[in-house]
Every structure is written in structure tokens, then in C-alpha cells.
Amino acid sequence: MATEGRLKNIVAIVATTRLTEARAKIFGHVLNPTGQKSPHKILWEKLISDKVAGWYPYDIKKDDPLVMARQEQERLSKFEMLKRRGKGPPKKGQGKRATKRSK
């Protein structure tokens, strides 16, 4: 009787392991019987992000030199306006850190 019970347990264990292997193969899962940490989850997310990035249209603005030049001009004019009001960025070596050191 005892050998029969052990045999059933062995057959059940083998059947469940084969079943999990088949399930992993069918559904594309990574089989990890030892339970150790694996980078598979991270690598899998990167592949999904590429797919999601493909859903959105390509931004033409980045390639058009006229659009880029206009944006640069707007940025420079904004800095010029801020400087006239005295709100622009300080010159190199005259920021908060430099004033703290000189005290």
C-alpha cells in the first residue's frame, strides 16, 4: 500500500510539472520552477513599450528645420524679455551657490 501511494504522488508531480511546462509553452510564459528572480519581466515590458509607441503618430515637427528655428527664436525672445525685467538666469558664477560661498 505504501509503495502504491508513493507511486501516485510521483505520477501526480510529474503530471503537474508537464502540465505547467505545456501551459508555459502554449501561452508564451517563462517557466521558473526554482522561483528565483528573473529579468524576464523587465525585458517583456520593454517589448510592450515599443508596441505602444507604435500606436502614436510620428512627430514631424522634430524634423522640420523651420519649426525648430521658430521654436528656438521663441525661446530666445522669452529669455530676452525675462532679462529686461530682471528675471533671467544669472551669469555663470553669480548664482545662489556662488553668493553663499563668498559670504
PDB file of N, CA and C in Angstrom:
ATOM      1  N   MET A   1       0.805  -1.189   0.000  1.00  0.00           N
ATOM      2  CA  MET A   1       0.000   0.000   0.000  1.00  0.00           C
ATOM      3  C   MET A   1       0.853   1.261   0.000  1.00  0.00           C
ATOM      4  N   ALA A   2       1.906   1.263   0.781  1.00  0.00           N
ATOM      5  CA  ALA A   2       2.740   2.453   0.895  1.00  0.00           C
ATOM      6  C   ALA A   2       3.418   2.761  -0.432  1.00  0.00           C
ATOM      7  N   THR A   3       3.855   1.728  -1.138  1.00  0.00           N
ATOM      8  CA  THR A   3       4.513   1.968  -2.431  1.00  0.00           C
ATOM      9  C   THR A   3       3.518   2.485  -3.460  1.00  0.00           C
ATOM     10  N   GLU A   4       2.258   2.018  -3.337  1.00  0.00           N
ATOM     11  CA  GLU A   4       1.231   2.477  -4.271  1.00  0.00           C
ATOM     12  C   GLU A   4       0.935   3.959  -4.069  1.00  0.00           C
ATOM     13  N   GLY A   5       0.907   4.416  -2.823  1.00  0.00           N
ATOM     14  CA  GLY A   5       0.670   5.834  -2.509  1.00  0.00           C
ATOM     15  C   GLY A   5       1.804   6.712  -2.997  1.00  0.00           C
ATOM     16  N   ARG A   6       3.041   6.225  -2.833  1.00  0.00           N
ATOM     17  CA  ARG A   6       4.198   6.983  -3.315  1.00  0.00           C
ATOM     18  C   ARG A   6       4.191   7.073  -4.827  1.00  0.00           C
ATOM     19  N   LEU A   7       3.819   6.002  -5.484  1.00  0.00           N
ATOM     20  CA  LEU A   7       3.768   5.986  -6.941  1.00  0.00           C
ATOM     21  C   LEU A   7       2.742   6.997  -7.451  1.00  0.00           C
ATOM     22  N   LYS A   8       1.589   7.057  -6.776  1.00  0.00           N
ATOM     23  CA  LYS A   8       0.567   8.025  -7.171  1.00  0.00           C
ATOM     24  C   LYS A   8       1.087   9.452  -7.003  1.00  0.00           C
ATOM     25  N   ASN A   9       1.801   9.690  -5.914  1.00  0.00           N
ATOM     26  CA  ASN A   9       2.362  11.030  -5.687  1.00  0.00           C
ATOM     27  C   ASN A   9       3.386  11.392  -6.766  1.00  0.00           C
ATOM     28  N   ILE A  10       4.224  10.464  -7.112  1.00  0.00           N
ATOM     29  CA  ILE A  10       5.237  10.704  -8.141  1.00  0.00           C
ATOM     30  C   ILE A  10       4.570  10.981  -9.484  1.00  0.00           C
ATOM     31  N   VAL A  11       3.571  10.186  -9.823  1.00  0.00           N
ATOM     32  CA  VAL A  11       2.857  10.385 -11.095  1.00  0.00           C
ATOM     33  C   VAL A  11       2.154  11.750 -11.092  1.00  0.00           C
ATOM     34  N   ALA A  12       1.562  12.119  -9.968  1.00  0.00           N
ATOM     35  CA  ALA A  12       0.875  13.408  -9.878  1.00  0.00           C
ATOM     36  C   ALA A  12       1.861  14.564 -10.029  1.00  0.00           C
ATOM     37  N   ILE A  13       3.019  14.457  -9.410  1.00  0.00           N
ATOM     38  CA  ILE A  13       4.033  15.511  -9.509  1.00  0.00           C
ATOM     39  C   ILE A  13       4.522  15.651 -10.939  1.00  0.00           C
ATOM     40  N   VAL A  14       4.794  14.514 -11.586  1.00  0.00           N
ATOM     41  CA  VAL A  14       5.274  14.541 -12.971  1.00  0.00           C
ATOM     42  C   VAL A  14       4.201  15.129 -13.888  1.00  0.00           C
ATOM     43  N   ALA A  15       2.957  14.754 -13.663  1.00  0.00           N
ATOM     44  CA  ALA A  15       1.868  15.253 -14.494  1.00  0.00           C
ATOM     45  C   ALA A  15       1.702  16.770 -14.337  1.00  0.00           C
ATOM     46  N   THR A  16       1.794  17.268 -13.121  1.00  0.00           N
ATOM     47  CA  THR A  16       1.633  18.715 -12.925  1.00  0.00           C
ATOM     48  C   THR A  16       2.806  19.487 -13.513  1.00  0.00           C
ATOM     49  N   THR A  17       4.018  18.946 -13.392  1.00  0.00           N
ATOM     50  CA  THR A  17       5.159  19.649 -13.990  1.00  0.00           C
ATOM     51  C   THR A  17       5.043  19.667 -15.503  1.00  0.00           C
ATOM     52  N   ARG A  18       4.635  18.561 -16.106  1.00  0.00           N
ATOM     53  CA  ARG A  18       4.448  18.519 -17.563  1.00  0.00           C
ATOM     54  C   ARG A  18       3.337  19.477 -17.990  1.00  0.00           C
ATOM     55  N   LEU A  19       2.293  19.553 -17.184  1.00  0.00           N
ATOM     56  CA  LEU A  19       1.183  20.443 -17.487  1.00  0.00           C
ATOM     57  C   LEU A  19       1.627  21.903 -17.432  1.00  0.00           C
ATOM     58  N   THR A  20       2.417  22.265 -16.423  1.00  0.00           N
ATOM     59  CA  THR A  20       2.893  23.648 -16.325  1.00  0.00           C
ATOM     60  C   THR A  20       3.856  23.980 -17.464  1.00  0.00           C
ATOM     61  N   GLU A  21       4.670  23.004 -17.870  1.00  0.00           N
ATOM     62  CA  GLU A  21       5.580  23.228 -18.999  1.00  0.00           C
ATOM     63  C   GLU A  21       4.780  23.454 -20.285  1.00  0.00           C
ATOM     64  N   ALA A  22       3.748  22.645 -20.490  1.00  0.00           N
ATOM     65  CA  ALA A  22       2.917  22.791 -21.685  1.00  0.00           C
ATOM     66  C   ALA A  22       2.186  24.135 -21.661  1.00  0.00           C
ATOM     67  N   ARG A  23       1.666  24.523 -20.511  1.00  0.00           N
ATOM     68  CA  ARG A  23       0.957  25.797 -20.382  1.00  0.00           C
ATOM     69  C   ARG A  23       1.892  26.964 -20.692  1.00  0.00           C
ATOM     70  N   ALA A  24       3.115  26.885 -20.179  1.00  0.00           N
ATOM     71  CA  ALA A  24       4.084  27.946 -20.432  1.00  0.00           C
ATOM     72  C   ALA A  24       4.433  28.028 -21.909  1.00  0.00           C
ATOM     73  N   LYS A  25       4.556  26.870 -22.555  1.00  0.00           N
ATOM     74  CA  LYS A  25       4.892  26.846 -23.973  1.00  0.00           C
ATOM     75  C   LYS A  25       3.736  27.398 -24.811  1.00  0.00           C
ATOM     76  N   ILE A  26       2.513  27.046 -24.479  1.00  0.00           N
ATOM     77  CA  ILE A  26       1.349  27.485 -25.250  1.00  0.00           C
ATOM     78  C   ILE A  26       1.134  28.988 -25.117  1.00  0.00           C
ATOM     79  N   PHE A  27       1.171  29.493 -23.883  1.00  0.00           N
ATOM     80  CA  PHE A  27       0.849  30.896 -23.651  1.00  0.00           C
ATOM     81  C   PHE A  27       2.069  31.820 -23.674  1.00  0.00           C
ATOM     82  N   GLY A  28       3.247  31.283 -23.932  1.00  0.00           N
ATOM     83  CA  GLY A  28       4.442  32.109 -24.047  1.00  0.00           C
ATOM     84  C   GLY A  28       4.982  32.620 -22.728  1.00  0.00           C
ATOM     85  N   HIS A  29       4.674  31.946 -21.637  1.00  0.00           N
ATOM     86  CA  HIS A  29       5.198  32.344 -20.334  1.00  0.00           C
ATOM     87  C   HIS A  29       6.582  31.742 -20.127  1.00  0.00           C
ATOM     88  N   VAL A  30       7.347  32.360 -19.248  1.00  0.00           N
ATOM     89  CA  VAL A  30       8.656  31.814 -18.902  1.00  0.00           C
ATOM     90  C   VAL A  30       8.478  30.923 -17.692  1.00  0.00           C
ATOM     91  N   LEU A  31       8.956  29.705 -17.809  1.00  0.00           N
ATOM     92  CA  LEU A  31       8.832  28.748 -16.723  1.00  0.00           C
ATOM     93  C   LEU A  31       9.956  28.996 -15.729  1.00  0.00           C
ATOM     94  N   ASN A  32       9.594  29.184 -14.475  1.00  0.00           N
ATOM     95  CA  ASN A  32      10.567  29.449 -13.428  1.00  0.00           C
ATOM     96  C   ASN A  32      10.262  28.537 -12.239  1.00  0.00           C
ATOM     97  N   PRO A  33      10.648  27.261 -12.322  1.00  0.00           N
ATOM     98  CA  PRO A  33      10.310  26.334 -11.240  1.00  0.00           C
ATOM     99  C   PRO A  33      11.062  26.591  -9.941  1.00  0.00           C
ATOM    100  N   THR A  34      12.245  27.212 -10.020  1.00  0.00           N
ATOM    101  CA  THR A  34      13.023  27.449  -8.796  1.00  0.00           C
ATOM    102  C   THR A  34      12.521  28.669  -8.040  1.00  0.00           C
ATOM    103  N   GLY A  35      11.824  29.569  -8.708  1.00  0.00           N
ATOM    104  CA  GLY A  35      11.290  30.750  -8.052  1.00  0.00           C
ATOM    105  C   GLY A  35      12.310  31.856  -7.868  1.00  0.00           C
ATOM    106  N   GLN A  36      13.459  31.771  -8.543  1.00  0.00           N
ATOM    107  CA  GLN A  36      14.473  32.813  -8.419  1.00  0.00           C
ATOM    108  C   GLN A  36      14.055  34.039  -9.227  1.00  0.00           C
ATOM    109  N   LYS A  37      14.598  35.213  -8.846  1.00  0.00           N
ATOM    110  CA  LYS A  37      14.287  36.442  -9.564  1.00  0.00           C
ATOM    111  C   LYS A  37      14.851  36.372 -10.976  1.00  0.00           C
ATOM    112  N   SER A  38      14.072  36.899 -11.889  1.00  0.00           N
ATOM    113  CA  SER A  38      14.467  36.839 -13.283  1.00  0.00           C
ATOM    114  C   SER A  38      14.222  38.193 -13.937  1.00  0.00           C
ATOM    115  N   PRO A  39      15.109  38.628 -14.844  1.00  0.00           N
ATOM    116  CA  PRO A  39      14.887  39.909 -15.530  1.00  0.00           C
ATOM    117  C   PRO A  39      13.868  39.815 -16.653  1.00  0.00           C
ATOM    118  N   HIS A  40      13.228  38.672 -16.795  1.00  0.00           N
ATOM    119  CA  HIS A  40      12.290  38.489 -17.898  1.00  0.00           C
ATOM    120  C   HIS A  40      11.151  39.503 -17.859  1.00  0.00           C
ATOM    121  N   LYS A  41      10.685  39.825 -16.673  1.00  0.00           N
ATOM    122  CA  LYS A  41       9.565  40.762 -16.537  1.00  0.00           C
ATOM    123  C   LYS A  41       9.942  42.132 -17.106  1.00  0.00           C
ATOM    124  N   ILE A  42      11.158  42.577 -16.816  1.00  0.00           N
ATOM    125  CA  ILE A  42      11.621  43.875 -17.290  1.00  0.00           C
ATOM    126  C   ILE A  42      11.785  43.857 -18.811  1.00  0.00           C
ATOM    127  N   LEU A  43      12.387  42.796 -19.325  1.00  0.00           N
ATOM    128  CA  LEU A  43      12.585  42.700 -20.769  1.00  0.00           C
ATOM    129  C   LEU A  43      11.253  42.647 -21.504  1.00  0.00           C
ATOM    130  N   TRP A  44      10.278  41.990 -20.929  1.00  0.00           N
ATOM    131  CA  TRP A  44       8.974  41.860 -21.543  1.00  0.00           C
ATOM    132  C   TRP A  44       8.289  43.219 -21.616  1.00  0.00           C
ATOM    133  N   GLU A  45       8.442  44.057 -20.584  1.00  0.00           N
ATOM    134  CA  GLU A  45       7.835  45.378 -20.574  1.00  0.00           C
ATOM    135  C   GLU A  45       8.425  46.261 -21.662  1.00  0.00           C
ATOM    136  N   LYS A  46       9.698  46.133 -21.940  1.00  0.00           N
ATOM    137  CA  LYS A  46      10.307  46.936 -22.992  1.00  0.00           C
ATOM    138  C   LYS A  46       9.689  46.604 -24.339  1.00  0.00           C
ATOM    139  N   LEU A  47       9.439  45.331 -24.580  1.00  0.00           N
ATOM    140  CA  LEU A  47       8.833  44.951 -25.848  1.00  0.00           C
ATOM    141  C   LEU A  47       7.435  45.535 -25.965  1.00  0.00           C
ATOM    142  N   ILE A  48       6.698  45.578 -24.894  1.00  0.00           N
ATOM    143  CA  ILE A  48       5.363  46.155 -24.921  1.00  0.00           C
ATOM    144  C   ILE A  48       5.456  47.657 -25.179  1.00  0.00           C
ATOM    145  N   SER A  49       6.440  48.329 -24.589  1.00  0.00           N
ATOM    146  CA  SER A  49       6.544  49.768 -24.772  1.00  0.00           C
ATOM    147  C   SER A  49       6.816  50.119 -26.233  1.00  0.00           C
ATOM    148  N   ASP A  50       7.594  49.309 -26.934  1.00  0.00           N
ATOM    149  CA  ASP A  50       7.814  49.546 -28.356  1.00  0.00           C
ATOM    150  C   ASP A  50       6.509  49.427 -29.126  1.00  0.00           C
ATOM    151  N   LYS A  51       5.692  48.474 -28.745  1.00  0.00           N
ATOM    152  CA  LYS A  51       4.419  48.285 -29.408  1.00  0.00           C
ATOM    153  C   LYS A  51       3.497  49.469 -29.151  1.00  0.00           C
ATOM    154  N   VAL A  52       3.469  49.938 -27.909  1.00  0.00           N
ATOM    155  CA  VAL A  52       2.618  51.073 -27.562  1.00  0.00           C
ATOM    156  C   VAL A  52       3.114  52.338 -28.262  1.00  0.00           C
ATOM    157  N   ALA A  53       4.427  52.506 -28.360  1.00  0.00           N
ATOM    158  CA  ALA A  53       4.978  53.676 -29.043  1.00  0.00           C
ATOM    159  C   ALA A  53       4.566  53.688 -30.511  1.00  0.00           C
ATOM    160  N   GLY A  54       4.360  52.537 -31.084  1.00  0.00           N
ATOM    161  CA  GLY A  54       3.922  52.452 -32.470  1.00  0.00           C
ATOM    162  C   GLY A  54       2.495  52.916 -32.678  1.00  0.00           C
ATOM    163  N   TRP A  55       1.703  53.013 -31.637  1.00  0.00           N
ATOM    164  CA  TRP A  55       0.323  53.461 -31.764  1.00  0.00           C
ATOM    165  C   TRP A  55       0.242  54.951 -32.073  1.00  0.00           C
ATOM    166  N   TYR A  56       1.233  55.728 -31.634  1.00  0.00           N
ATOM    167  CA  TYR A  56       1.177  57.171 -31.772  1.00  0.00           C
ATOM    168  C   TYR A  56       1.882  57.606 -33.052  1.00  0.00           C
ATOM    169  N   PRO A  57       1.359  58.631 -33.714  1.00  0.00           N
ATOM    170  CA  PRO A  57       1.972  59.058 -34.979  1.00  0.00           C
ATOM    171  C   PRO A  57       3.333  59.699 -34.748  1.00  0.00           C
ATOM    172  N   TYR A  58       4.142  59.693 -35.782  1.00  0.00           N
ATOM    173  CA  TYR A  58       5.477  60.281 -35.732  1.00  0.00           C
ATOM    174  C   TYR A  58       5.349  61.802 -35.712  1.00  0.00           C
ATOM    175  N   ASP A  59       6.164  62.482 -34.905  1.00  0.00           N
ATOM    176  CA  ASP A  59       6.101  63.942 -34.787  1.00  0.00           C
ATOM    177  C   ASP A  59       6.960  64.573 -35.873  1.00  0.00           C
ATOM    178  N   ILE A  60       6.321  65.190 -36.845  1.00  0.00           N
ATOM    179  CA  ILE A  60       7.031  65.800 -37.974  1.00  0.00           C
ATOM    180  C   ILE A  60       7.765  67.062 -37.532  1.00  0.00           C
ATOM    181  N   LYS A  61       7.295  67.704 -36.474  1.00  0.00           N
ATOM    182  CA  LYS A  61       7.908  68.957 -36.018  1.00  0.00           C
ATOM    183  C   LYS A  61       9.397  68.800 -35.743  1.00  0.00           C
ATOM    184  N   LYS A  62       9.799  67.625 -35.281  1.00  0.00           N
ATOM    185  CA  LYS A  62      11.197  67.430 -34.909  1.00  0.00           C
ATOM    186  C   LYS A  62      12.123  67.419 -36.122  1.00  0.00           C
ATOM    187  N   ASP A  63      11.601  67.074 -37.297  1.00  0.00           N
ATOM    188  CA  ASP A  63      12.431  67.019 -38.493  1.00  0.00           C
ATOM    189  C   ASP A  63      12.401  68.309 -39.306  1.00  0.00           C
ATOM    190  N   ASP A  64      11.390  69.136 -39.118  1.00  0.00           N
ATOM    191  CA  ASP A  64      11.243  70.347 -39.916  1.00  0.00           C
ATOM    192  C   ASP A  64      12.163  71.437 -39.369  1.00  0.00           C
ATOM    193  N   PRO A  65      13.154  71.883 -40.148  1.00  0.00           N
ATOM    194  CA  PRO A  65      14.081  72.905 -39.634  1.00  0.00           C
ATOM    195  C   PRO A  65      13.400  74.254 -39.407  1.00  0.00           C
ATOM    196  N   LEU A  66      12.363  74.561 -40.175  1.00  0.00           N
ATOM    197  CA  LEU A  66      11.668  75.841 -39.980  1.00  0.00           C
ATOM    198  C   LEU A  66      10.957  75.881 -38.636  1.00  0.00           C
ATOM    199  N   VAL A  67      10.330  74.770 -38.264  1.00  0.00           N
ATOM    200  CA  VAL A  67       9.628  74.705 -36.976  1.00  0.00           C
ATOM    201  C   VAL A  67      10.639  74.785 -35.840  1.00  0.00           C
ATOM    202  N   MET A  68      11.744  74.066 -35.968  1.00  0.00           N
ATOM    203  CA  MET A  68      12.761  74.086 -34.917  1.00  0.00           C
ATOM    204  C   MET A  68      13.368  75.483 -34.770  1.00  0.00           C
ATOM    205  N   ALA A  69      13.602  76.170 -35.894  1.00  0.00           N
ATOM    206  CA  ALA A  69      14.169  77.520 -35.833  1.00  0.00           C
ATOM    207  C   ALA A  69      13.188  78.482 -35.172  1.00  0.00           C
ATOM    208  N   ARG A  70      11.897  78.337 -35.472  1.00  0.00           N
ATOM    209  CA  ARG A  70      10.891  79.212 -34.869  1.00  0.00           C
ATOM    210  C   ARG A  70      10.810  78.971 -33.355  1.00  0.00           C
ATOM    211  N   GLN A  71      10.871  77.703 -32.955  1.00  0.00           N
ATOM    212  CA  GLN A  71      10.825  77.402 -31.521  1.00  0.00           C
ATOM    213  C   GLN A  71      12.050  77.958 -30.803  1.00  0.00           C
ATOM    214  N   GLU A  72      13.205  77.872 -31.443  1.00  0.00           N
ATOM    215  CA  GLU A  72      14.430  78.407 -30.848  1.00  0.00           C
ATOM    216  C   GLU A  72      14.337  79.927 -30.730  1.00  0.00           C
ATOM    217  N   GLN A  73      13.782  80.570 -31.759  1.00  0.00           N
ATOM    218  CA  GLN A  73      13.625  82.022 -31.731  1.00  0.00           C
ATOM    219  C   GLN A  73      12.665  82.445 -30.620  1.00  0.00           C
ATOM    220  N   GLU A  74      11.578  81.693 -30.440  1.00  0.00           N
ATOM    221  CA  GLU A  74      10.629  81.983 -29.359  1.00  0.00           C
ATOM    222  C   GLU A  74      11.292  81.839 -27.999  1.00  0.00           C
ATOM    223  N   ARG A  75      12.131  80.821 -27.855  1.00  0.00           N
ATOM    224  CA  ARG A  75      12.830  80.596 -26.592  1.00  0.00           C
ATOM    225  C   ARG A  75      13.784  81.749 -26.289  1.00  0.00           C
ATOM    226  N   LEU A  76      14.527  82.181 -27.317  1.00  0.00           N
ATOM    227  CA  LEU A  76      15.474  83.275 -27.117  1.00  0.00           C
ATOM    228  C   LEU A  76      14.753  84.588 -26.812  1.00  0.00           C
ATOM    229  N   SER A  77      13.628  84.829 -27.482  1.00  0.00           N
ATOM    230  CA  SER A  77      12.884  86.071 -27.220  1.00  0.00           C
ATOM    231  C   SER A  77      12.301  86.051 -25.805  1.00  0.00           C
ATOM    232  N   LYS A  78      11.907  84.863 -25.333  1.00  0.00           N
ATOM    233  CA  LYS A  78      11.392  84.743 -23.959  1.00  0.00           C
ATOM    234  C   LYS A  78      12.490  85.086 -22.951  1.00  0.00           C
ATOM    235  N   PHE A  79      13.713  84.563 -23.188  1.00  0.00           N
ATOM    236  CA  PHE A  79      14.824  84.869 -22.290  1.00  0.00           C
ATOM    237  C   PHE A  79      15.161  86.357 -22.328  1.00  0.00           C
ATOM    238  N   GLU A  80      15.085  86.950 -23.513  1.00  0.00           N
ATOM    239  CA  GLU A  80      15.374  88.391 -23.632  1.00  0.00           C
ATOM    240  C   GLU A  80      14.368  89.215 -22.837  1.00  0.00           C
ATOM    241  N   MET A  81      13.087  88.829 -22.915  1.00  0.00           N
ATOM    242  CA  MET A  81      12.043  89.537 -22.175  1.00  0.00           C
ATOM    243  C   MET A  81      12.263  89.397 -20.668  1.00  0.00           C
ATOM    244  N   LEU A  82      12.625  88.177 -20.231  1.00  0.00           N
ATOM    245  CA  LEU A  82      12.882  87.957 -18.806  1.00  0.00           C
ATOM    246  C   LEU A  82      14.088  88.762 -18.329  1.00  0.00           C
ATOM    247  N   LYS A  83      15.131  88.867 -19.168  1.00  0.00           N
ATOM    248  CA  LYS A  83      16.319  89.637 -18.789  1.00  0.00           C
ATOM    249  C   LYS A  83      15.982  91.103 -18.624  1.00  0.00           C
ATOM    250  N   ARG A  84      15.119  91.622 -19.524  1.00  0.00           N
ATOM    251  CA  ARG A  84      14.745  93.031 -19.420  1.00  0.00           C
ATOM    252  C   ARG A  84      14.008  93.319 -18.119  1.00  0.00           C
ATOM    253  N   ARG A  85      13.262  92.352 -17.628  1.00  0.00           N
ATOM    254  CA  ARG A  85      12.534  92.530 -16.368  1.00  0.00           C
ATOM    255  C   ARG A  85      13.392  92.194 -15.155  1.00  0.00           C
ATOM    256  N   GLY A  86      14.604  91.686 -15.411  1.00  0.00           N
ATOM    257  CA  GLY A  86      15.490  91.319 -14.307  1.00  0.00           C
ATOM    258  C   GLY A  86      15.198  89.941 -13.733  1.00  0.00           C
ATOM    259  N   LYS A  87      14.503  89.100 -14.490  1.00  0.00           N
ATOM    260  CA  LYS A  87      14.127  87.771 -14.014  1.00  0.00           C
ATOM    261  C   LYS A  87      14.893  86.655 -14.732  1.00  0.00           C
ATOM    262  N   GLY A  88      15.834  86.998 -15.569  1.00  0.00           N
ATOM    263  CA  GLY A  88      16.558  85.999 -16.349  1.00  0.00           C
ATOM    264  C   GLY A  88      17.520  85.198 -15.506  1.00  0.00           C
ATOM    265  N   PRO A  89      18.106  84.169 -16.105  1.00  0.00           N
ATOM    266  CA  PRO A  89      19.076  83.358 -15.362  1.00  0.00           C
ATOM    267  C   PRO A  89      20.335  84.169 -15.083  1.00  0.00           C
ATOM    268  N   PRO A  90      20.980  83.947 -13.940  1.00  0.00           N
ATOM    269  CA  PRO A  90      22.192  84.712 -13.613  1.00  0.00           C
ATOM    270  C   PRO A  90      23.357  84.274 -14.499  1.00  0.00           C
ATOM    271  N   LYS A  91      24.349  85.142 -14.587  1.00  0.00           N
ATOM    272  CA  LYS A  91      25.542  84.784 -15.342  1.00  0.00           C
ATOM    273  C   LYS A  91      26.283  83.689 -14.595  1.00  0.00           C
ATOM    274  N   LYS A  92      27.142  83.026 -15.305  1.00  0.00           N
ATOM    275  CA  LYS A  92      27.868  81.907 -14.708  1.00  0.00           C
ATOM    276  C   LYS A  92      28.721  82.407 -13.541  1.00  0.00           C
ATOM    277  N   GLY A  93      28.568  81.740 -12.394  1.00  0.00           N
ATOM    278  CA  GLY A  93      29.344  82.107 -11.215  1.00  0.00           C
ATOM    279  C   GLY A  93      28.684  83.173 -10.353  1.00  0.00           C
ATOM    280  N   GLN A  94      27.444  83.560 -10.669  1.00  0.00           N
ATOM    281  CA  GLN A  94      26.766  84.576  -9.865  1.00  0.00           C
ATOM    282  C   GLN A  94      25.434  84.070  -9.326  1.00  0.00           C
ATOM    283  N   GLY A  95      25.259  82.761  -9.249  1.00  0.00           N
ATOM    284  CA  GLY A  95      24.014  82.192  -8.761  1.00  0.00           C
ATOM    285  C   GLY A  95      23.976  82.109  -7.245  1.00  0.00           C
ATOM    286  N   LYS A  96      23.004  81.353  -6.727  1.00  0.00           N
ATOM    287  CA  LYS A  96      22.839  81.211  -5.277  1.00  0.00           C
ATOM    288  C   LYS A  96      24.059  80.574  -4.627  1.00  0.00           C
ATOM    289  N   ARG A  97      24.596  79.559  -5.272  1.00  0.00           N
ATOM    290  CA  ARG A  97      25.744  78.857  -4.681  1.00  0.00           C
ATOM    291  C   ARG A  97      26.946  79.759  -4.536  1.00  0.00           C
ATOM    292  N   ALA A  98      27.192  80.551  -5.602  1.00  0.00           N
ATOM    293  CA  ALA A  98      28.364  81.414  -5.583  1.00  0.00           C
ATOM    294  C   ALA A  98      28.234  82.500  -4.526  1.00  0.00           C
ATOM    295  N   THR A  99      27.023  83.024  -4.327  1.00  0.00           N
ATOM    296  CA  THR A  99      26.846  84.067  -3.313  1.00  0.00           C
ATOM    297  C   THR A  99      26.971  83.489  -1.906  1.00  0.00           C
ATOM    298  N   LYS A 100      26.589  82.237  -1.720  1.00  0.00           N
ATOM    299  CA  LYS A 100      26.741  81.598  -0.391  1.00  0.00           C
ATOM    300  C   LYS A 100      28.209  81.427  -0.042  1.00  0.00           C
ATOM    301  N   ARG A 101      29.030  81.072  -1.027  1.00  0.00           N
ATOM    302  CA  ARG A 101      30.453  80.833  -0.769  1.00  0.00           C
ATOM    303  C   ARG A 101      31.193  82.124  -0.440  1.00  0.00           C
ATOM    304  N   SER A 102      30.799  83.194  -1.101  1.00  0.00           N
ATOM    305  CA  SER A 102      31.546  84.451  -0.919  1.00  0.00           C
ATOM    306  C   SER A 102      31.280  85.119   0.418  1.00  0.00           C
ATOM    307  N   LYS A 103      30.235  84.711   1.134  1.00  0.00           N
ATOM    308  CA  LYS A 103      29.910  85.344   2.424  1.00  0.00           C
ATOM    309  C   LYS A 103      30.864  84.977   3.509  1.00  0.00           C
TER     310      LYS A 103
END
